[in-house]
Amino acid sequence: MVVGVPVYFLLGRAKLRRIWTPALIGFGATALPYLLYALYRGEKGYELGEILFLTCLVGLMGAGTGLIFWLIARPDRVVQSAPPKSNRPVAE
């Protein structure tokens, strides 16, 4: 939510409303911190390939979260406003 809501407003302003955009942002927002933490901590007993595999798994969960957010918010649907009312009198 800390990342999702500001990104939602920024993407709406930039007119980026496709389904893959929140999926990529969700992937990056979860995978990058996990990767940095795993590399910093040194995950004893894991090799680099295993760390990257686990990072991809965490990233896929973030991508799924981004897709669910897109399905709920549906930014691709633009709300159409009602036509303006006329001040002209109705002819009888």
Protein backbone atom coordinates (compact mmCIF):
# COMPACT_ATOMS: atom_id res chain seq x y z
CA MET A 1 0.00 0.00 0.00
CA VAL A 2 2.89 2.34 0.70
CA VAL A 3 4.11 1.84 -2.86
CA GLY A 4 0.84 0.99 -4.61
CA VAL A 5 -1.27 4.09 -4.00
CA PRO A 6 1.32 6.71 -5.04
CA VAL A 7 2.23 4.62 -8.08
CA TYR A 8 -1.47 4.33 -8.96
CA PHE A 9 -1.84 8.12 -9.02
CA LEU A 10 1.42 8.63 -10.93
CA LEU A 11 0.48 6.05 -13.55
CA GLY A 12 -2.98 7.57 -13.89
CA ARG A 13 -1.45 10.97 -14.49
CA ALA A 14 0.93 9.50 -17.08
CA LYS A 15 -1.97 7.62 -18.76
CA LEU A 16 -0.30 4.23 -18.21
CA ARG A 17 -3.29 1.98 -17.58
CA ARG A 18 -2.24 -1.38 -19.04
CA ILE A 19 -2.29 -4.54 -16.96
CA TRP A 20 1.45 -5.26 -17.18
CA THR A 21 2.49 -1.93 -15.62
CA PRO A 22 1.36 -2.67 -12.04
CA ALA A 23 2.64 -6.24 -12.42
CA LEU A 24 6.14 -5.00 -13.26
CA ILE A 25 6.08 -2.42 -10.50
CA GLY A 26 4.86 -5.04 -8.00
CA PHE A 27 7.62 -7.40 -9.10
CA GLY A 28 10.29 -4.75 -8.70
CA ALA A 29 8.92 -3.38 -5.44
CA THR A 30 9.16 -6.78 -3.77
CA ALA A 31 12.09 -8.44 -5.54
CA LEU A 32 14.60 -5.60 -5.27
CA PRO A 33 14.44 -5.18 -1.47
CA TYR A 34 14.58 -8.96 -0.99
CA LEU A 35 17.57 -9.27 -3.31
CA LEU A 36 19.44 -6.45 -1.56
CA TYR A 37 18.70 -7.95 1.84
CA ALA A 38 19.76 -11.44 0.77
CA LEU A 39 23.01 -10.18 -0.73
CA TYR A 40 23.74 -8.02 2.32
CA ARG A 41 23.03 -10.76 4.81
CA GLY A 42 24.92 -13.33 2.81
CA GLU A 43 22.22 -16.01 3.29
CA LYS A 44 24.49 -18.67 4.70
CA GLY A 45 24.20 -21.96 2.89
CA TYR A 46 22.67 -20.47 -0.27
CA GLU A 47 24.51 -19.91 -3.51
CA LEU A 48 23.90 -16.97 -5.83
CA GLY A 49 21.66 -19.02 -8.13
CA GLU A 50 19.44 -20.04 -5.24
CA ILE A 51 19.21 -16.45 -4.03
CA LEU A 52 18.17 -15.30 -7.51
CA PHE A 53 15.60 -18.09 -7.71
CA LEU A 54 14.10 -17.08 -4.36
CA THR A 55 14.15 -13.44 -5.47
CA CYS A 56 12.13 -14.37 -8.56
CA LEU A 57 9.60 -16.22 -6.40
CA VAL A 58 9.19 -13.21 -4.14
CA GLY A 59 8.93 -10.97 -7.23
CA LEU A 60 6.21 -13.15 -8.72
CA MET A 61 4.20 -12.76 -5.54
CA GLY A 62 4.57 -8.99 -5.87
CA ALA A 63 3.53 -9.18 -9.53
CA GLY A 64 0.44 -11.13 -8.49
CA THR A 65 -0.36 -8.46 -5.93
CA GLY A 66 -0.03 -5.78 -8.62
CA LEU A 67 -2.37 -7.73 -10.89
CA ILE A 68 -4.96 -8.09 -8.15
CA PHE A 69 -4.72 -4.36 -7.46
CA TRP A 70 -5.26 -3.68 -11.17
CA LEU A 71 -8.29 -5.96 -11.24
CA ILE A 72 -9.83 -4.17 -8.26
CA ALA A 73 -9.00 -0.58 -9.23
CA ARG A 74 -9.44 -1.08 -13.01
CA PRO A 75 -7.68 2.14 -14.06
CA ASP A 76 -8.29 1.26 -17.72
CA ARG A 77 -11.95 2.16 -17.28
CA VAL A 78 -12.39 5.88 -17.66
CA VAL A 79 -15.46 7.25 -15.94
CA GLN A 80 -17.52 9.25 -18.38
CA SER A 81 -19.12 12.36 -17.02
CA ALA A 82 -22.76 13.15 -17.58
CA PRO A 83 -23.55 15.52 -20.44
CA PRO A 84 -23.92 19.12 -19.30
CA LYS A 85 -27.47 20.23 -18.60
CA SER A 86 -28.89 22.93 -20.80
CA ASN A 87 -30.41 26.06 -19.33
CA ARG A 88 -32.70 26.43 -22.31
CA PRO A 89 -36.42 26.00 -21.55
CA VAL A 90 -38.09 22.89 -22.79
CA ALA A 91 -40.42 23.51 -25.72
CA GLU A 92 -43.92 22.20 -25.19
